[in-house]
Protein backbone atom coordinates (compact mmCIF):
# COMPACT_ATOMS: atom_id res chain seq x y z
CA UNK A 1 18.21 -67.27 -16.55
CA UNK A 2 20.58 -67.64 -19.51
CA UNK A 3 18.41 -65.29 -21.54
CA UNK A 4 18.49 -62.74 -18.74
CA UNK A 5 22.29 -62.93 -18.52
CA UNK A 6 22.43 -62.48 -22.26
CA UNK A 7 20.21 -59.39 -22.13
CA UNK A 8 21.93 -57.75 -19.14
CA UNK A 9 24.87 -56.24 -21.10
CA UNK A 10 22.42 -54.88 -23.65
CA UNK A 11 20.27 -53.28 -20.94
CA UNK A 12 23.31 -51.75 -19.26
CA UNK A 13 24.65 -50.54 -22.61
CA UNK A 14 21.26 -49.04 -23.47
CA UNK A 15 21.02 -47.26 -20.11
CA UNK A 16 24.54 -45.86 -20.48
CA UNK A 17 23.76 -44.71 -23.98
CA UNK A 18 20.60 -42.98 -22.72
CA UNK A 19 22.58 -41.24 -19.98
CA UNK A 20 25.24 -40.17 -22.45
CA UNK A 21 22.56 -38.89 -24.82
CA UNK A 22 20.93 -36.90 -22.00
CA UNK A 23 24.30 -35.45 -21.04
CA UNK A 24 25.04 -34.64 -24.68
CA UNK A 25 21.76 -32.73 -24.89
CA UNK A 26 22.70 -30.41 -22.03
CA UNK A 27 23.78 -26.97 -23.19
CA UNK A 28 27.37 -25.94 -22.42
CA UNK A 29 27.90 -23.76 -19.34
CA UNK A 30 28.00 -20.11 -20.52
CA UNK A 31 31.06 -18.14 -19.51
CA UNK A 32 30.36 -14.91 -17.62
CA UNK A 33 32.59 -12.00 -16.67
CA UNK A 34 32.74 -11.36 -12.93
CA UNK A 35 30.90 -8.04 -13.20
CA UNK A 36 28.11 -9.74 -15.17
CA UNK A 37 27.88 -12.58 -12.68
CA UNK A 38 27.73 -10.11 -9.78
CA UNK A 39 25.01 -8.09 -11.52
CA UNK A 40 22.99 -11.24 -12.20
CA UNK A 41 23.41 -12.34 -8.59
CA UNK A 42 21.87 -9.06 -7.45
CA UNK A 43 18.95 -9.39 -9.87
CA UNK A 44 18.35 -12.98 -8.80
CA UNK A 45 18.37 -12.02 -5.11
CA UNK A 46 15.93 -9.15 -5.64
CA UNK A 47 13.57 -10.69 -8.18
CA UNK A 48 13.88 -14.46 -8.34
CA UNK A 49 15.11 -15.95 -5.07
CA UNK A 50 11.80 -15.56 -3.25
CA UNK A 51 10.11 -18.13 -5.52
CA UNK A 52 13.04 -20.23 -6.73
CA UNK A 53 15.13 -20.28 -3.53
CA UNK A 54 18.52 -18.90 -2.55
CA UNK A 55 20.10 -22.18 -3.68
CA UNK A 56 17.81 -22.34 -6.75
CA UNK A 57 16.26 -25.61 -5.59
CA UNK A 58 12.72 -24.33 -6.18
CA UNK A 59 9.61 -23.80 -4.03
CA UNK A 60 6.78 -21.65 -5.39
CA UNK A 61 8.84 -21.51 -8.60
CA UNK A 62 10.52 -24.42 -10.34
CA UNK A 63 14.09 -25.53 -9.56
CA UNK A 64 16.70 -23.58 -11.53
CA UNK A 65 19.67 -25.86 -11.03
CA UNK A 66 21.92 -26.43 -14.08
CA UNK A 67 20.65 -29.99 -14.65
CA UNK A 68 17.25 -28.39 -15.34
CA UNK A 69 18.20 -25.10 -16.99
CA UNK A 70 20.82 -26.51 -19.36
CA UNK A 71 18.18 -28.61 -21.11
CA UNK A 72 17.10 -25.33 -22.73
CA UNK A 73 19.04 -22.84 -24.81
CA UNK A 74 19.96 -19.42 -23.48
CA UNK A 75 17.60 -17.94 -26.07
CA UNK A 76 14.61 -20.00 -24.86
CA UNK A 77 15.34 -19.29 -21.20
CA UNK A 78 15.63 -15.57 -21.93
CA UNK A 79 12.20 -15.61 -23.60
CA UNK A 80 10.66 -17.24 -20.51
CA UNK A 81 12.28 -14.70 -18.22
CA UNK A 82 11.20 -11.79 -20.41
CA UNK A 83 7.64 -12.94 -21.22
CA UNK A 84 6.69 -15.04 -18.18
CA UNK A 85 4.62 -18.22 -18.18
CA UNK A 86 0.99 -19.26 -17.94
CA UNK A 87 1.81 -20.99 -14.62
CA UNK A 88 2.08 -17.69 -12.79
CA UNK A 89 5.63 -16.47 -13.37
CA UNK A 90 5.56 -12.76 -14.25
CA UNK A 91 7.09 -11.49 -17.45
CA UNK A 92 9.92 -9.39 -16.07
CA UNK A 93 10.52 -7.86 -19.47
CA UNK A 94 6.90 -7.14 -20.36
CA UNK A 95 6.50 -5.63 -16.88
CA UNK A 96 9.32 -3.18 -17.64
CA UNK A 97 11.59 -4.52 -14.89
CA UNK A 98 14.25 -6.25 -17.01
CA UNK A 99 15.59 -5.41 -20.46
CA UNK A 100 16.20 -8.07 -23.11
CA UNK A 101 19.90 -7.89 -22.29
CA UNK A 102 19.06 -8.45 -18.62
CA UNK A 103 16.91 -11.46 -19.52
CA UNK A 104 19.76 -12.87 -21.60
CA UNK A 105 22.15 -12.29 -18.69
CA UNK A 106 19.85 -14.11 -16.26
CA UNK A 107 19.44 -17.02 -18.68
CA UNK A 108 23.22 -17.50 -18.64
CA UNK A 109 23.35 -17.05 -14.88
CA UNK A 110 20.90 -19.87 -14.10
CA UNK A 111 22.89 -22.23 -16.34
CA UNK A 112 25.89 -21.72 -14.05
CA UNK A 113 26.28 -23.46 -10.69
CA UNK A 114 24.52 -21.72 -7.76
CA UNK A 115 26.77 -20.06 -5.22
CA UNK A 116 25.58 -20.37 -1.62
CA UNK A 117 25.40 -17.08 0.29
CA UNK A 118 27.58 -16.87 3.42
CA UNK A 119 26.30 -17.81 6.86
CA UNK A 120 25.28 -15.04 9.26
CA UNK A 121 25.68 -15.81 12.95
CA UNK A 122 24.90 -13.87 16.10
CA UNK A 123 28.28 -12.16 15.98
CA UNK A 124 27.52 -10.76 12.52
CA UNK A 125 23.97 -9.81 13.53
CA UNK A 126 25.14 -7.93 16.62
CA UNK A 127 27.68 -6.01 14.55
CA UNK A 128 24.86 -4.52 12.45
CA UNK A 129 22.65 -3.44 15.36
CA UNK A 130 22.22 0.32 15.63
CA UNK A 131 20.23 1.98 18.40
CA UNK A 132 19.67 5.48 17.05
CA UNK A 133 17.41 6.69 19.87
CA UNK A 134 17.41 4.75 23.18
CA UNK A 135 14.00 4.28 24.86
CA UNK A 136 14.82 6.72 27.65
CA UNK A 137 15.42 9.49 25.09
CA UNK A 138 12.16 8.97 23.22
CA UNK A 139 9.00 11.03 23.80
CA UNK A 140 6.89 10.22 26.85
CA UNK A 141 3.72 11.25 24.99
CA UNK A 142 2.48 11.64 21.42
CA UNK A 143 4.17 14.72 19.94
CA UNK A 144 1.61 15.45 17.21
CA UNK A 145 -2.14 15.76 16.74
CA UNK A 146 -2.56 13.11 14.06
CA UNK A 147 -4.63 9.99 14.69
CA UNK A 148 -2.15 7.12 14.79
CA UNK A 149 -4.89 4.53 14.23
CA UNK A 150 -5.73 6.02 10.82
CA UNK A 151 -2.13 6.27 9.58
CA UNK A 152 -1.19 4.12 6.58
CA UNK A 153 2.39 2.98 6.01
CA UNK A 154 3.22 2.23 2.37
CA UNK A 155 6.13 0.10 1.16
CA UNK A 156 8.16 1.93 -1.51
CA UNK A 157 9.77 -1.25 -2.68
CA UNK A 158 12.64 -0.26 -4.95
CA UNK A 159 13.38 2.99 -3.14
CA UNK A 160 14.20 1.26 0.16
CA UNK A 161 11.77 3.53 2.00
CA UNK A 162 8.40 3.58 3.76
CA UNK A 163 5.89 6.39 3.21
CA UNK A 164 3.72 7.28 6.18
CA UNK A 165 0.43 8.79 5.03
CA UNK A 166 -2.19 10.52 7.15
CA UNK A 167 -5.35 8.51 6.49
CA UNK A 168 -7.58 11.47 7.34
CA UNK A 169 -5.93 14.22 5.27
CA UNK A 170 -4.31 11.93 2.65
CA UNK A 171 -1.06 13.87 3.17
CA UNK A 172 2.24 12.05 2.74
CA UNK A 173 3.48 13.00 6.18
CA UNK A 174 7.03 11.69 5.81
CA UNK A 175 9.19 8.92 4.40
CA UNK A 176 11.70 6.89 6.39
CA UNK A 177 14.56 4.68 5.22
CA UNK A 178 14.12 0.92 5.39
CA UNK A 179 15.78 -2.20 4.06
CA UNK A 180 15.71 -2.84 0.31
CA UNK A 181 12.54 -4.25 -1.22
CA UNK A 182 10.59 -4.38 2.02
CA UNK A 183 8.36 -7.43 1.94
CA UNK A 184 6.03 -6.61 4.79
CA UNK A 185 5.62 -4.48 7.88
CA UNK A 186 3.85 -4.81 11.21
CA UNK A 187 3.02 -2.66 14.24
CA UNK A 188 3.58 -3.21 17.94
CA UNK A 189 0.53 -4.15 19.98
CA UNK A 190 0.29 -0.60 21.33
CA UNK A 191 0.46 0.88 17.83
CA UNK A 192 3.42 3.07 18.75
CA UNK A 193 6.11 1.24 16.80
CA UNK A 194 6.31 0.30 13.14
CA UNK A 195 8.52 -2.69 12.31
CA UNK A 196 9.72 -3.32 8.74
CA UNK A 197 11.76 -6.08 7.11
CA UNK A 198 13.56 -5.82 3.78
CA UNK A 199 14.49 -8.67 1.51
CA UNK A 200 18.06 -7.80 2.46
CA UNK A 201 17.11 -8.84 6.04
CA UNK A 202 17.41 -5.32 7.39
CA UNK A 203 14.81 -4.71 10.10
CA UNK A 204 13.90 -1.18 11.15
CA UNK A 205 11.82 0.24 13.98
CA UNK A 206 9.99 3.55 13.63
CA UNK A 207 8.50 5.56 16.52
CA UNK A 208 5.09 6.90 15.46
CA UNK A 209 4.87 9.15 18.52
CA UNK A 210 7.58 11.41 17.08
CA UNK A 211 6.83 14.39 14.85
CA UNK A 212 7.63 13.35 12.22
CA UNK A 213 8.11 9.60 12.83
CA UNK A 214 11.75 8.57 13.00
CA UNK A 215 13.74 5.33 12.79
CA UNK A 216 14.94 4.59 16.32
CA UNK A 217 16.68 1.24 15.75
CA UNK A 218 17.82 -1.12 13.01
CA UNK A 219 19.53 -4.49 12.67
CA UNK A 220 20.38 -6.91 9.87
CA UNK A 221 19.30 -10.42 10.83
CA UNK A 222 20.79 -12.31 7.89
CA UNK A 223 21.33 -12.17 4.13
CA UNK A 224 17.69 -12.46 3.03
CA UNK A 225 14.40 -12.27 4.93
CA UNK A 226 10.64 -11.95 4.38
CA UNK A 227 8.66 -11.64 7.61
CA UNK A 228 8.47 -9.77 10.91
CA UNK A 229 6.01 -9.47 13.79
CA UNK A 230 5.83 -8.36 17.41
CA UNK A 231 4.51 -9.85 20.67
CA UNK A 232 0.74 -9.32 20.74
CA UNK A 233 -0.32 -11.44 23.70
CA UNK A 234 -1.45 -9.13 26.47
CA UNK A 235 -1.13 -11.53 29.38
CA UNK A 236 -2.56 -11.02 32.87
CA UNK A 237 -0.32 -8.02 33.56
CA UNK A 238 0.46 -6.91 30.01
CA UNK A 239 3.98 -8.25 30.45
CA UNK A 240 4.53 -9.08 26.77
CA UNK A 241 3.11 -5.97 25.09
CA UNK A 242 5.72 -4.43 22.78
CA UNK A 243 8.35 -6.57 24.53
CA UNK A 244 9.68 -8.68 21.65
CA UNK A 245 9.82 -8.91 17.86
CA UNK A 246 10.80 -11.75 15.55
CA UNK A 247 12.20 -11.89 11.99
CA UNK A 248 11.89 -14.89 9.67
CA UNK A 249 14.95 -15.37 7.49
CA UNK A 250 15.23 -16.95 4.08
CA UNK A 251 19.02 -17.11 4.40
CA UNK A 252 20.47 -18.39 6.59
CA UNK A 253 17.37 -20.52 7.23
CA UNK A 254 16.46 -19.29 10.69
CA UNK A 255 14.44 -16.88 12.80
CA UNK A 256 15.83 -14.19 15.05
CA UNK A 257 14.15 -12.92 18.22
CA UNK A 258 14.73 -9.24 18.98
CA UNK A 259 14.06 -6.85 21.84
CA UNK A 260 10.79 -5.10 20.96
CA UNK A 261 11.98 -1.72 22.24
CA UNK A 262 15.48 -1.65 20.75
CA UNK A 263 15.80 -4.47 18.15
CA UNK A 264 18.76 -5.82 20.10
CA UNK A 265 19.20 -9.44 18.93
CA UNK A 266 18.34 -11.94 21.67
CA UNK A 267 18.24 -15.38 20.10
CA UNK A 268 18.88 -17.08 16.74
CA UNK A 269 17.15 -20.38 15.96
CA UNK A 270 17.98 -22.41 12.85
CA UNK A 271 15.33 -24.16 10.76
CA UNK A 272 17.42 -26.57 8.70
CA UNK A 273 16.01 -30.06 9.02
CA UNK A 274 13.97 -32.81 7.46
CA UNK A 275 10.86 -32.64 5.30
CA UNK A 276 7.69 -33.73 7.07
CA UNK A 277 6.68 -36.28 4.41
CA UNK A 278 9.83 -37.98 3.07
CA UNK A 279 12.13 -37.18 6.00
CA UNK A 280 14.83 -35.97 3.63
CA UNK A 281 17.32 -33.41 4.88
CA UNK A 282 16.82 -29.97 3.35
CA UNK A 283 19.54 -27.30 3.53
CA UNK A 284 17.21 -24.33 2.97
CA UNK A 285 13.94 -24.45 4.94
CA UNK A 286 12.98 -20.77 4.76
CA UNK A 287 10.68 -18.97 7.19
CA UNK A 288 7.95 -17.38 5.07
CA UNK A 289 5.02 -15.99 7.08
CA UNK A 290 4.71 -15.10 10.76
CA UNK A 291 1.59 -14.29 12.76
CA UNK A 292 1.41 -13.35 16.44
CA UNK A 293 -1.14 -15.18 18.58
CA UNK A 294 -3.65 -13.17 20.57
CA UNK A 295 -4.40 -16.24 22.73
CA UNK A 296 -0.96 -17.20 24.09
CA UNK A 297 2.56 -15.70 24.17
CA UNK A 298 3.39 -17.36 20.85
CA UNK A 299 4.29 -16.73 17.24
CA UNK A 300 3.31 -19.09 14.44
CA UNK A 301 5.97 -19.43 11.75
CA UNK A 302 5.66 -21.24 8.43
CA UNK A 303 8.69 -23.20 7.26
CA UNK A 304 8.36 -23.41 3.53
CA UNK A 305 10.46 -26.35 2.35
CA UNK A 306 9.89 -28.82 5.21
CA UNK A 307 6.12 -28.30 5.27
CA UNK A 308 6.02 -27.56 9.00
CA UNK A 309 4.53 -24.83 11.17
CA UNK A 310 6.39 -23.80 14.30
CA UNK A 311 4.46 -22.54 17.32
CA UNK A 312 7.15 -20.56 19.15
CA UNK A 313 6.55 -19.82 22.84
CA UNK A 314 8.38 -16.57 23.62
CA UNK A 315 7.49 -16.42 27.33
CA UNK A 316 10.84 -17.92 28.38
CA UNK A 317 13.76 -17.61 25.98
CA UNK A 318 16.07 -19.63 28.23
CA UNK A 319 13.77 -22.64 28.60
CA UNK A 320 12.66 -22.38 25.01
CA UNK A 321 9.59 -24.26 23.79
CA UNK A 322 8.63 -24.84 20.17
CA UNK A 323 5.73 -27.03 18.97
CA UNK A 324 6.14 -28.44 15.46
CA UNK A 325 3.02 -29.16 13.40
CA UNK A 326 3.37 -31.26 10.26
CA UNK A 327 1.29 -29.82 7.44
CA UNK A 328 2.18 -29.63 3.72
CA UNK A 329 4.86 -28.28 1.40
CA UNK A 330 5.57 -25.51 0.35
CA UNK A 331 4.16 -23.20 3.00
CA UNK A 332 4.05 -19.56 2.02
CA UNK A 333 1.70 -16.86 3.33
CA UNK A 334 -1.61 -16.66 5.15
CA UNK A 335 -3.62 -15.16 7.99
CA UNK A 336 -6.17 -15.75 10.72
CA UNK A 337 -9.81 -16.59 10.32
CA UNK A 338 -12.25 -14.06 11.82
CA UNK A 339 -12.10 -15.68 15.27
CA UNK A 340 -8.28 -15.47 15.30
CA UNK A 341 -8.17 -19.03 16.61
CA UNK A 342 -7.28 -20.62 13.27
CA UNK A 343 -4.33 -19.76 11.06
CA UNK A 344 -4.70 -20.55 7.34
CA UNK A 345 -1.63 -20.69 5.11
CA UNK A 346 -1.03 -21.60 1.47
CA UNK A 347 0.97 -24.65 0.50
CA UNK A 348 0.91 -23.18 -2.96
CA UNK A 349 2.98 -25.69 -4.93
CA UNK A 350 0.64 -28.43 -3.67
CA UNK A 351 -2.43 -26.33 -4.55
CA UNK A 352 -3.69 -26.47 -0.97
CA UNK A 353 -4.52 -24.35 2.06
CA UNK A 354 -3.57 -25.58 5.51
CA UNK A 355 -5.45 -24.64 8.71
CA UNK A 356 -4.06 -25.03 12.22
CA UNK A 357 -5.75 -24.51 15.57
CA UNK A 358 -3.46 -22.19 17.53
CA UNK A 359 -5.30 -23.00 20.78
CA UNK A 360 -4.76 -26.77 20.65
CA UNK A 361 -1.61 -26.37 18.53
CA UNK A 362 -2.74 -29.06 16.12
CA UNK A 363 -3.52 -29.38 12.43
CA UNK A 364 -7.18 -28.52 11.83
CA UNK A 365 -7.53 -29.24 8.13
CA UNK A 366 -6.00 -29.31 4.66
CA UNK A 367 -8.04 -28.03 1.73
CA UNK A 368 -7.29 -28.42 -1.97
CA UNK A 369 -8.32 -25.15 -3.59
CA UNK A 370 -6.83 -24.58 -7.05
CA UNK A 371 -3.68 -23.68 -8.96
CA UNK A 372 -1.25 -21.98 -6.55
CA UNK A 373 -3.29 -20.23 -3.85
CA UNK A 374 -1.74 -16.95 -2.71
CA UNK A 375 -3.90 -15.33 -0.03
CA UNK A 376 -1.56 -12.66 1.28
CA UNK A 377 -3.28 -12.48 4.65
CA UNK A 378 -6.60 -13.58 3.11
CA UNK A 379 -10.07 -12.14 3.69
CA UNK A 380 -12.84 -13.07 6.13
CA UNK A 381 -16.57 -12.51 5.72
CA UNK A 382 -19.94 -14.23 6.11
CA UNK A 383 -21.23 -15.92 2.97
CA UNK A 384 -25.05 -15.63 2.72
CA UNK A 385 -25.41 -19.39 2.22
CA UNK A 386 -22.33 -21.02 3.74
CA UNK A 387 -21.63 -18.82 6.74
CA UNK A 388 -18.15 -17.63 7.84
CA UNK A 389 -15.53 -18.12 5.13
CA UNK A 390 -11.89 -17.32 4.41
CA UNK A 391 -11.03 -16.28 0.85
CA UNK A 392 -7.86 -16.73 -1.21
CA UNK A 393 -6.99 -15.79 -4.83
CA UNK A 394 -4.69 -17.91 -6.99
CA UNK A 395 -1.57 -17.30 -9.01
CA UNK A 396 -2.15 -19.99 -11.63
CA UNK A 397 -5.80 -19.50 -12.57
CA UNK A 398 -8.66 -16.95 -12.36
CA UNK A 399 -10.06 -18.22 -9.08
CA UNK A 400 -11.05 -17.05 -5.61
CA UNK A 401 -11.76 -20.00 -3.34
CA UNK A 402 -14.01 -19.54 -0.29
CA UNK A 403 -13.20 -21.93 2.56
CA UNK A 404 -15.70 -22.58 5.36
CA UNK A 405 -14.35 -21.65 8.81
CA UNK A 406 -17.39 -21.99 11.10
CA UNK A 407 -15.86 -24.90 13.00
CA UNK A 408 -18.21 -24.96 15.99
CA UNK A 409 -21.23 -23.11 14.61
CA UNK A 410 -24.32 -23.98 12.62
CA UNK A 411 -22.26 -24.17 9.40
CA UNK A 412 -19.70 -26.59 10.88
CA UNK A 413 -20.35 -29.10 8.07
CA UNK A 414 -18.62 -26.61 5.74
CA UNK A 415 -15.47 -26.32 7.86
CA UNK A 416 -12.24 -26.72 5.88
CA UNK A 417 -14.05 -27.23 2.59
CA UNK A 418 -14.17 -25.05 -0.52
CA UNK A 419 -17.80 -23.97 -0.44
CA UNK A 420 -17.78 -21.52 -3.35
CA UNK A 421 -15.52 -20.55 -6.26
CA UNK A 422 -15.55 -17.00 -7.62
CA UNK A 423 -14.08 -16.01 -10.98
CA UNK A 424 -12.10 -12.74 -11.08
CA UNK A 425 -10.89 -11.03 -14.26
CA UNK A 426 -7.72 -13.11 -14.48
CA UNK A 427 -5.01 -15.21 -12.91
CA UNK A 428 -2.01 -13.85 -11.03
CA UNK A 429 -3.88 -12.94 -7.86
CA UNK A 430 -1.57 -11.84 -5.05
CA UNK A 431 -3.89 -10.17 -2.54
CA UNK A 432 -7.50 -10.04 -1.45
CA UNK A 433 -9.24 -7.76 1.03
CA UNK A 434 -12.51 -6.98 2.75
CA UNK A 435 -13.59 -5.37 6.02
CA UNK A 436 -16.27 -6.21 8.65
CA UNK A 437 -18.16 -3.03 7.69
CA UNK A 438 -17.93 -3.64 3.93
CA UNK A 439 -20.15 -5.46 1.45
CA UNK A 440 -17.29 -5.87 -1.04
CA UNK A 441 -14.41 -8.26 -1.68
CA UNK A 442 -11.48 -6.75 -3.60
CA UNK A 443 -9.05 -8.91 -5.58
CA UNK A 444 -5.94 -7.95 -7.55
CA UNK A 445 -4.41 -9.90 -10.47
CA UNK A 446 -0.99 -8.28 -10.32
CA UNK A 447 0.88 -11.14 -12.02
CA UNK A 448 -1.57 -11.73 -14.86
CA UNK A 449 -0.14 -11.72 -18.37
CA UNK A 450 -2.78 -9.45 -19.96
CA UNK A 451 -2.05 -5.79 -19.20
CA UNK A 452 -5.75 -4.91 -19.10
CA UNK A 453 -6.11 -7.50 -16.35
CA UNK A 454 -3.06 -6.61 -14.27
CA UNK A 455 -4.04 -2.94 -14.37
CA UNK A 456 -7.46 -3.74 -12.92
CA UNK A 457 -9.08 -5.10 -9.79
CA UNK A 458 -12.12 -7.35 -9.45
CA UNK A 459 -14.73 -6.36 -6.85
CA UNK A 460 -17.34 -8.90 -5.69
CA UNK A 461 -20.59 -8.21 -3.86
CA UNK A 462 -20.33 -10.52 -0.82
CA UNK A 463 -24.09 -10.37 -0.28
CA UNK A 464 -24.59 -11.67 -3.82
CA UNK A 465 -21.46 -13.70 -4.57
CA UNK A 466 -23.02 -15.45 -7.57
CA UNK A 467 -23.04 -12.15 -9.45
CA UNK A 468 -20.07 -11.42 -11.74
CA UNK A 469 -17.51 -9.01 -10.30
CA UNK A 470 -17.21 -5.35 -11.12
CA UNK A 471 -13.93 -4.86 -13.02
CA UNK A 472 -12.29 -1.51 -12.24
CA UNK A 473 -9.48 -0.25 -14.46
CA UNK A 474 -7.19 1.55 -12.02
CA UNK A 475 -4.62 3.04 -14.39
CA UNK A 476 -2.87 2.95 -17.76
CA UNK A 477 0.60 1.99 -16.53
CA UNK A 478 2.32 -0.27 -14.06
CA UNK A 479 0.70 -3.16 -12.25
CA UNK A 480 -2.09 -2.81 -9.74
CA UNK A 481 -1.29 -4.56 -6.48
CA UNK A 482 -2.52 -4.86 -2.89
CA UNK A 483 -5.60 -3.31 -1.35
CA UNK A 484 -6.04 -1.92 2.15
CA UNK A 485 -9.07 -0.54 3.94
CA UNK A 486 -9.00 2.48 6.18
CA UNK A 487 -9.97 2.02 9.83
CA UNK A 488 -13.61 2.97 9.19
CA UNK A 489 -13.96 0.39 6.42
CA UNK A 490 -15.40 2.87 3.91
CA UNK A 491 -12.27 3.45 1.76
CA UNK A 492 -10.02 1.08 -0.18
CA UNK A 493 -6.44 2.07 -1.05
CA UNK A 494 -4.84 0.47 -4.12
CA UNK A 495 -1.23 0.70 -5.37
CA UNK A 496 -0.09 1.39 -8.93
CA UNK A 497 3.24 -0.43 -8.91
CA UNK A 498 5.81 1.32 -11.08
CA UNK A 499 8.56 3.93 -10.80
CA UNK A 500 6.00 6.75 -10.98
CA UNK A 501 3.73 5.08 -8.51
CA UNK A 502 0.33 6.18 -7.33
CA UNK A 503 -2.05 5.35 -4.50
CA UNK A 504 -5.64 5.33 -5.72
CA UNK A 505 -8.38 5.60 -3.11
CA UNK A 506 -11.93 4.34 -3.75
CA UNK A 507 -15.20 4.86 -1.92
CA UNK A 508 -16.07 1.31 -0.90
CA UNK A 509 -19.81 1.90 -1.06
CA UNK A 510 -20.02 3.51 -4.51
CA UNK A 511 -16.79 2.00 -5.94
CA UNK A 512 -15.97 5.44 -7.31
CA UNK A 513 -12.50 6.98 -7.17
CA UNK A 514 -12.12 9.48 -4.33
CA UNK A 515 -8.48 10.50 -4.60
CA UNK A 516 -5.31 9.73 -6.51
CA UNK A 517 -2.07 10.34 -4.64
CA UNK A 518 0.76 11.04 -7.08
CA UNK A 519 4.10 12.18 -5.68
CA UNK A 520 7.75 11.75 -6.76
CA UNK A 521 8.36 9.99 -3.46
CA UNK A 522 5.92 7.19 -4.31
CA UNK A 523 8.47 4.98 -6.07
CA UNK A 524 7.13 1.44 -6.69
CA UNK A 525 4.48 1.44 -3.95
CA UNK A 526 3.30 -2.05 -3.05
CA UNK A 527 1.85 -3.10 0.32
CA UNK A 528 -0.11 -0.62 2.44
CA UNK A 529 -0.98 -1.19 6.07
CA UNK A 530 -3.41 0.80 8.21
CA UNK A 531 -2.24 0.86 11.83
CA UNK A 532 -5.54 -0.15 13.43
CA UNK A 533 -6.45 -2.94 10.99
CA UNK A 534 -2.97 -4.44 11.04
CA UNK A 535 -2.65 -4.36 14.83
CA UNK A 536 -5.96 -6.17 15.21
CA UNK A 537 -5.60 -8.56 12.24
CA UNK A 538 -8.65 -7.20 10.45
CA UNK A 539 -8.79 -8.44 6.88
């Protein structure tokens, strides 16, 4: 005991010295002029917050709090921001998005203390609601001769607009204003209304019966958002069709239920709470993906930081019912299996995919797949050996994992297991796509570091998945991102993501280019969504 008492001061002194040394190694906080700080805040919100969090606590990306960032110099941080990393972070400089001065500015910004965005309550939401055309003043029939089911809406990310393209004639019919940097869009069950959500949390509603389509309502549900969907459950009398919509916010952490005909805000529900595993309070549990059940009047929401899925019953907003399913952190995006009974979502920082049964409202399985799965909505097809599968690409490695989904069939032994691994041209996969009438599986590698890779797509033969993919060079500029099939399943539309954007259309049977849509209005095109496929969750 005497020896221990003798050593205690030395141990304490050593620990204090180590702490002092660690503190001494931290870089000083860079000073920033207000206009520079404001500019950096805008860049962070638009480019960085989705992965690193509004409070910079990390999720898909690493934490960027000063205790982490000040261990590096501004010069080293700026190089990371400009060039990207092998772990999946894009090089914002090499992609032409940020200049070297911008990268230097952001390096200084992340060494300063994060500033929390303001709260945004129902009062603030209601103040932003604009009903441009009330339902009673809208058309009572379709006012044009175009086929709504073949229309394709294209996100023009940095323009704050949506292009609506006639899938039959390939004509850019019109563009409509949206929120900034729209993350996704969905359609009402009937197909009449197009709902969009910007990263700035501005939701818009477009009437596709009009000639041309027109925004009929808008509302801002918060400071930052990522997801939107409508009520798709038909019910015995069709009571819920086109009745409601829901937005998932990143900040404030919440979801907002809206009137499906007017976007009038009806209910705000917060998601702050405790992580499923350690039961630690988290101030920023963001709602990432939303899917609408076809089985019950419910939405399934993924809550990123707490590792929980919320099954939200929208049949009675007064006697509100939410089922919480514990899963895995950090939940991001996903989609249904082919039966639409199971929802699969990436817990990408844990390198896993989670499956839940939306009928029983229980966890069905957790599958370890690879380095940072990022399925988008994923892709469903029948593997010649392993039966029905769901496919996801990965951000951190050249990998497409095929997960068995034939829970009750003859391939049930494969359920919730990785049955096959395909190797695309590179890492950085954001989206994957196929169609029930197609023999091909298309994969992008939009966040790869090699420009020959990120300007290409990999196409696999799903009848012969052991064969190497066909690598198609789409263009000589920008990044190639997101594929979408037409309704017939014989064309694939691909985006060239830059300021002079293009939509390139391929014949899915021959893999030959059919058309290249180039237009000054196609500014930074990203996601494309055919009305029919999106309404029916065909992917």
